[in-house]
Amino acid sequence: MVSGSGVAECEWLELAAEVMAAPLVELPVEGIALALTRTFRGAGCAYSELRGPGQLMGAIYPLNEDFRGHRAEMEREMPREAPAIHPILQYYRASGSCGFVQVADVPQRHVEPGAVAAWYERTRPWGVGDQLALPIHMRPDEHRAFVIGRETPFSAAEMEVAGRVWRLLIGLDRQVQAFGLLRPVPDVAQDFRLTPRELTVLGLLVEGLTAGAIGRRLAIGERTVQKHLEHTYTKLGVRDRLSAVLRAQHLGLLA
C-alpha cells in the first residue's frame, strides 16, 4: 500500500488546486515529478516531451539525486537507448496502447524475447529498473510522460492509486494546454472576476465548442461546464451563449 495515502491525497489535491487557480500555460513539471516520487516511494521520476522528430526534451528529478553515481550515464545513454530497449516503449509501439503501465506488467507477447530481463540487467546498478509510466499525451509525433523509477515492482494497491493520479494528470495537462492557447487579458478578466477555469471554458465557447465538447477537452463533466457557463454569464451580465461570445469579443477579453 502507498505509505501515508491520506497525506498523498492531500498533496495531490493541493497541487491540482494550484494549477486550476492560476492561469498556468505550462505544467509545474518539477513539482509533479517530486510529488510522484514521494507518493510512490521512488528513487526518482523522469519527465520526457517529444515535440517533433528529434526534438526529445526532458529531465530527471530530484535534480540533486545521483542514482548511485550513475546520473550522468542515465542522462547520456537513455535518450539514445530507451526507444529500442525499454520494455514499456516496445509495448506501446506493438499494442498501440497509451495507458499507464509498469515494467513488471508488460505483456511478454508485446516485447522482444528477453527484453524485460535485459532491461533489469541494464538498469540494476541505477536502482530504478522497476518503472511506472504515466503518459499524459501520446501521439506518434508528440508525447508527454512521467516515468517513476525504483528497485521494486509497484503493488496492486499502488497501481490503483496510479490510475487515479494518471487521470488527474491528463486533466491538468488538458487544462494547461487549453488555457495556453487562449492567453486571456489579465486586467479585463480581473475586472469581471472571472476565474482561470471560467476563462478557459469561455474561450472554448468562443471557438464554437458545445458544453459536451468542452467537457471532453478539459476532462470534466458536462454539468460542471454548465455551472462554469452560468457563473460566466452572470459576471458578464448576459443570459445566453451568443451574448456571452459577443460580449467577450467586444471587451477583448480573450486575445
Protein backbone atom coordinates (compact mmCIF):
# COMPACT_ATOMS: atom_id res chain seq x y z
CA MET A 1 0.00 0.00 0.00
CA VAL A 2 1.17 3.55 -0.65
CA SER A 3 2.57 4.90 2.59
CA GLY A 4 0.75 7.87 4.05
CA SER A 5 -2.05 7.65 1.47
CA GLY A 6 -4.06 10.36 3.23
CA VAL A 7 -1.10 12.73 3.10
CA ALA A 8 -0.54 11.83 -0.55
CA GLU A 9 -4.16 12.56 -1.43
CA CYS A 10 -3.95 15.97 0.26
CA GLU A 11 -0.77 16.75 -1.65
CA TRP A 12 -2.39 15.91 -4.99
CA LEU A 13 -5.50 17.91 -4.15
CA GLU A 14 -3.35 20.93 -3.32
CA LEU A 15 -1.32 20.54 -6.49
CA ALA A 16 -4.47 20.29 -8.63
CA ALA A 17 -5.93 23.34 -6.90
CA GLU A 18 -2.74 25.30 -7.59
CA VAL A 19 -2.88 24.50 -11.30
CA MET A 20 -6.58 25.34 -11.50
CA ALA A 21 -6.32 28.59 -9.54
CA ALA A 22 -3.59 30.25 -11.60
CA PRO A 23 -3.53 30.99 -15.34
CA LEU A 24 -0.73 28.49 -15.98
CA VAL A 25 0.37 27.82 -19.55
CA GLU A 26 2.90 25.14 -18.55
CA LEU A 27 2.64 22.19 -16.21
CA PRO A 28 4.66 22.52 -12.99
CA VAL A 29 6.75 19.56 -14.14
CA GLU A 30 9.27 19.51 -11.31
CA GLY A 31 6.58 19.77 -8.64
CA ILE A 32 4.61 16.92 -10.21
CA ALA A 33 7.72 14.74 -10.61
CA LEU A 34 8.71 15.23 -6.98
CA ALA A 35 5.15 14.53 -5.81
CA LEU A 36 5.13 11.31 -7.85
CA THR A 37 8.46 10.30 -6.36
CA ARG A 38 7.15 10.81 -2.82
CA THR A 39 3.76 9.20 -3.41
CA PHE A 40 5.21 6.02 -4.91
CA ARG A 41 8.42 5.89 -2.86
CA GLY A 42 10.52 6.15 -5.98
CA ALA A 43 14.21 6.83 -6.35
CA GLY A 44 13.33 9.44 -8.94
CA CYS A 45 10.95 10.50 -11.69
CA ALA A 46 11.75 11.41 -15.29
CA TYR A 47 9.70 13.70 -17.50
CA SER A 48 10.05 13.46 -21.27
CA GLU A 49 8.50 15.51 -24.01
CA LEU A 50 8.70 14.91 -27.75
CA ARG A 51 7.85 17.95 -29.88
CA GLY A 52 8.51 16.50 -33.31
CA PRO A 53 11.17 14.28 -34.92
CA GLY A 54 14.42 14.50 -33.00
CA GLN A 55 13.13 17.07 -30.51
CA LEU A 56 13.16 14.94 -27.35
CA MET A 57 13.41 17.01 -24.18
CA GLY A 58 13.26 16.06 -20.54
CA ALA A 59 14.82 15.90 -17.10
CA ILE A 60 15.20 13.52 -14.16
CA TYR A 61 14.07 14.60 -10.71
CA PRO A 62 15.16 15.20 -7.99
CA LEU A 63 17.86 17.22 -9.67
CA ASN A 64 20.29 16.53 -6.80
CA GLU A 65 19.85 12.72 -6.89
CA ASP A 66 22.91 10.95 -8.33
CA PHE A 67 21.34 7.48 -8.65
CA ARG A 68 24.29 5.64 -7.10
CA GLY A 69 26.74 7.68 -9.13
CA HIS A 70 25.08 6.87 -12.48
CA ARG A 71 23.14 10.06 -13.15
CA ALA A 72 25.43 11.26 -15.92
CA GLU A 73 25.24 7.85 -17.58
CA MET A 74 21.45 7.82 -17.38
CA GLU A 75 21.15 11.29 -18.88
CA ARG A 76 23.66 10.48 -21.62
CA GLU A 77 22.60 6.96 -22.60
CA MET A 78 18.87 6.67 -22.00
CA PRO A 79 17.64 9.14 -24.66
CA ARG A 80 19.60 7.09 -27.20
CA GLU A 81 18.96 3.57 -25.84
CA ALA A 82 15.45 3.73 -24.41
CA PRO A 83 13.47 3.82 -27.70
CA ALA A 84 14.97 0.45 -28.66
CA ILE A 85 15.35 -1.41 -25.34
CA HIS A 86 12.73 -0.05 -22.93
CA PRO A 87 10.00 -2.72 -22.45
CA ILE A 88 7.27 -0.13 -21.95
CA LEU A 89 8.13 1.68 -25.18
CA GLN A 90 8.21 -1.65 -27.02
CA TYR A 91 4.79 -2.42 -25.57
CA TYR A 92 3.36 0.94 -26.65
CA ARG A 93 4.63 0.51 -30.20
CA ALA A 94 3.41 -3.08 -30.53
CA SER A 95 0.00 -2.68 -28.88
CA GLY A 96 -0.94 0.90 -29.73
CA SER A 97 -1.79 1.43 -26.08
CA CYS A 98 -1.22 4.74 -24.34
CA GLY A 99 -2.27 3.78 -20.82
CA PHE A 100 -0.30 3.74 -17.60
CA VAL A 101 1.78 0.60 -17.09
CA GLN A 102 4.78 -0.68 -15.17
CA VAL A 103 7.67 -2.77 -16.49
CA ALA A 104 6.65 -5.79 -14.41
CA ASP A 105 3.19 -5.87 -16.05
CA VAL A 106 4.23 -5.51 -19.68
CA PRO A 107 2.74 -8.49 -21.59
CA GLN A 108 5.56 -10.68 -22.92
CA ARG A 109 3.82 -11.08 -26.28
CA HIS A 110 4.32 -7.36 -26.96
CA VAL A 111 8.09 -7.23 -26.36
CA GLU A 112 11.13 -8.90 -27.83
CA PRO A 113 12.21 -12.17 -26.15
CA GLY A 114 14.30 -11.44 -23.09
CA ALA A 115 13.62 -7.70 -23.30
CA VAL A 116 12.39 -7.36 -19.69
CA ALA A 117 15.30 -9.40 -18.26
CA ALA A 118 17.77 -7.39 -20.33
CA TRP A 119 16.21 -4.15 -19.11
CA TYR A 120 16.56 -5.17 -15.47
CA GLU A 121 20.17 -6.19 -16.07
CA ARG A 122 20.93 -2.84 -17.72
CA THR A 123 19.30 -0.70 -15.03
CA ARG A 124 20.11 -2.69 -11.85
CA PRO A 125 23.14 -0.53 -10.98
CA TRP A 126 20.96 2.60 -11.07
CA GLY A 127 18.29 1.39 -8.64
CA VAL A 128 15.43 2.43 -10.95
CA GLY A 129 14.78 -0.67 -13.06
CA ASP A 130 11.18 -1.07 -11.98
CA GLN A 131 9.47 1.82 -13.71
CA LEU A 132 5.90 3.06 -13.93
CA ALA A 133 4.96 5.16 -16.96
CA LEU A 134 2.18 7.75 -16.78
CA PRO A 135 1.72 9.12 -20.31
CA ILE A 136 -0.38 12.28 -20.30
CA HIS A 137 -0.34 12.85 -24.07
CA MET A 138 0.66 10.25 -26.63
CA ARG A 139 0.83 10.71 -30.41
CA PRO A 140 3.40 9.43 -32.93
CA ASP A 141 4.97 12.88 -33.33
CA GLU A 142 4.29 14.30 -29.88
CA HIS A 143 4.23 12.90 -26.37
CA ARG A 144 4.43 13.97 -22.75
CA ALA A 145 5.00 11.43 -19.99
CA PHE A 146 6.18 10.98 -16.41
CA VAL A 147 8.12 7.80 -15.50
CA ILE A 148 8.73 6.84 -11.87
CA GLY A 149 11.66 4.54 -11.13
CA ARG A 150 12.63 2.42 -8.13
CA GLU A 151 14.07 -1.02 -7.19
CA THR A 152 10.87 -2.99 -6.62
CA PRO A 153 7.64 -3.53 -8.62
CA PHE A 154 4.56 -1.47 -7.81
CA SER A 155 1.85 -3.26 -5.83
CA ALA A 156 -1.76 -3.68 -6.92
CA ALA A 157 -2.80 -1.01 -4.41
CA GLU A 158 -0.18 1.39 -5.77
CA MET A 159 -1.31 0.74 -9.33
CA GLU A 160 -4.86 1.60 -8.30
CA VAL A 161 -3.63 4.91 -6.92
CA ALA A 162 -1.54 5.39 -10.05
CA GLY A 163 -4.66 5.10 -12.18
CA ARG A 164 -6.33 7.93 -10.29
CA VAL A 165 -3.23 10.13 -10.40
CA TRP A 166 -2.80 9.39 -14.12
CA ARG A 167 -6.33 10.58 -14.89
CA LEU A 168 -5.75 13.71 -12.82
CA LEU A 169 -2.53 14.49 -14.69
CA ILE A 170 -4.25 14.09 -18.05
CA GLY A 171 -6.95 16.52 -16.93
CA LEU A 172 -4.39 19.04 -15.66
CA ASP A 173 -2.40 18.80 -18.88
CA ARG A 174 -5.51 19.43 -20.97
CA GLN A 175 -6.40 22.38 -18.78
CA VAL A 176 -2.94 23.90 -19.16
CA GLN A 177 -2.82 23.29 -22.92
CA ALA A 178 -6.26 24.81 -23.47
CA PHE A 179 -5.50 27.84 -21.29
CA GLY A 180 -2.16 28.34 -23.00
CA LEU A 181 -3.91 28.72 -26.35
CA LEU A 182 -6.32 31.34 -25.04
CA ARG A 183 -3.92 33.78 -23.36
CA PRO A 184 -6.53 35.86 -21.50
CA VAL A 185 -6.11 39.57 -21.00
CA PRO A 186 -5.41 39.74 -17.22
CA ASP A 187 -6.77 43.22 -16.43
CA VAL A 188 -10.12 42.68 -18.15
CA ALA A 189 -10.52 39.23 -16.66
CA GLN A 190 -9.78 40.59 -13.21
CA ASP A 191 -12.31 43.37 -13.62
CA PHE A 192 -15.04 40.83 -14.22
CA ARG A 193 -13.77 38.47 -11.51
CA LEU A 194 -13.54 35.59 -13.95
CA THR A 195 -11.60 32.59 -12.68
CA PRO A 196 -8.99 30.83 -14.84
CA ARG A 197 -11.34 27.89 -15.35
CA GLU A 198 -14.21 30.19 -16.36
CA LEU A 199 -11.91 31.95 -18.83
CA THR A 200 -10.84 28.63 -20.29
CA VAL A 201 -14.44 27.49 -20.72
CA LEU A 202 -15.38 30.86 -22.22
CA GLY A 203 -12.53 30.71 -24.70
CA LEU A 204 -13.57 27.26 -25.88
CA LEU A 205 -17.13 28.53 -26.15
CA VAL A 206 -15.86 31.30 -28.44
CA GLU A 207 -14.26 28.61 -30.58
CA GLY A 208 -17.73 27.16 -31.12
CA LEU A 209 -17.46 24.08 -28.91
CA THR A 210 -20.55 22.68 -27.22
CA ALA A 211 -20.68 22.11 -23.46
CA GLY A 212 -20.14 18.40 -24.06
CA ALA A 213 -17.10 19.03 -26.28
CA ILE A 214 -15.65 21.48 -23.75
CA GLY A 215 -16.06 18.87 -21.02
CA ARG A 216 -14.22 16.27 -23.09
CA ARG A 217 -11.43 18.74 -23.91
CA LEU A 218 -10.91 19.60 -20.23
CA ALA A 219 -11.71 16.14 -18.84
CA ILE A 220 -14.60 17.44 -16.74
CA GLY A 221 -18.32 16.68 -16.70
CA GLU A 222 -20.82 18.50 -18.91
CA ARG A 223 -22.77 19.55 -15.82
CA THR A 224 -19.60 21.17 -14.43
CA VAL A 225 -19.15 23.04 -17.71
CA GLN A 226 -22.73 24.29 -17.49
CA LYS A 227 -22.07 25.60 -13.96
CA HIS A 228 -18.99 27.48 -15.16
CA LEU A 229 -21.02 28.97 -18.01
CA GLU A 230 -23.79 30.05 -15.66
CA HIS A 231 -21.27 31.86 -13.45
CA THR A 232 -19.65 33.44 -16.51
CA TYR A 233 -22.99 34.66 -17.88
CA THR A 234 -23.80 36.24 -14.53
CA LYS A 235 -20.46 38.01 -14.29
CA LEU A 236 -20.68 39.30 -17.86
CA GLY A 237 -24.31 40.38 -17.42
CA VAL A 238 -25.66 38.19 -20.22
CA ARG A 239 -28.17 35.36 -20.42
CA ASP A 240 -27.07 33.06 -23.22
CA ARG A 241 -24.18 31.63 -25.20
CA LEU A 242 -24.33 34.04 -28.14
CA SER A 243 -24.49 37.10 -25.91
CA ALA A 244 -21.52 35.82 -23.90
CA VAL A 245 -19.47 35.32 -27.06
CA LEU A 246 -20.33 38.78 -28.40
CA ARG A 247 -19.64 40.36 -25.01
CA ALA A 248 -16.25 38.65 -24.73
CA GLN A 249 -15.29 39.74 -28.23
CA HIS A 250 -16.42 43.31 -27.61
CA LEU A 251 -14.40 43.54 -24.40
CA GLY A 252 -11.32 41.98 -25.96
CA LEU A 253 -11.48 39.55 -23.08
CA LEU A 254 -9.53 36.84 -24.88
CA ALA A 255 -6.59 37.78 -27.06
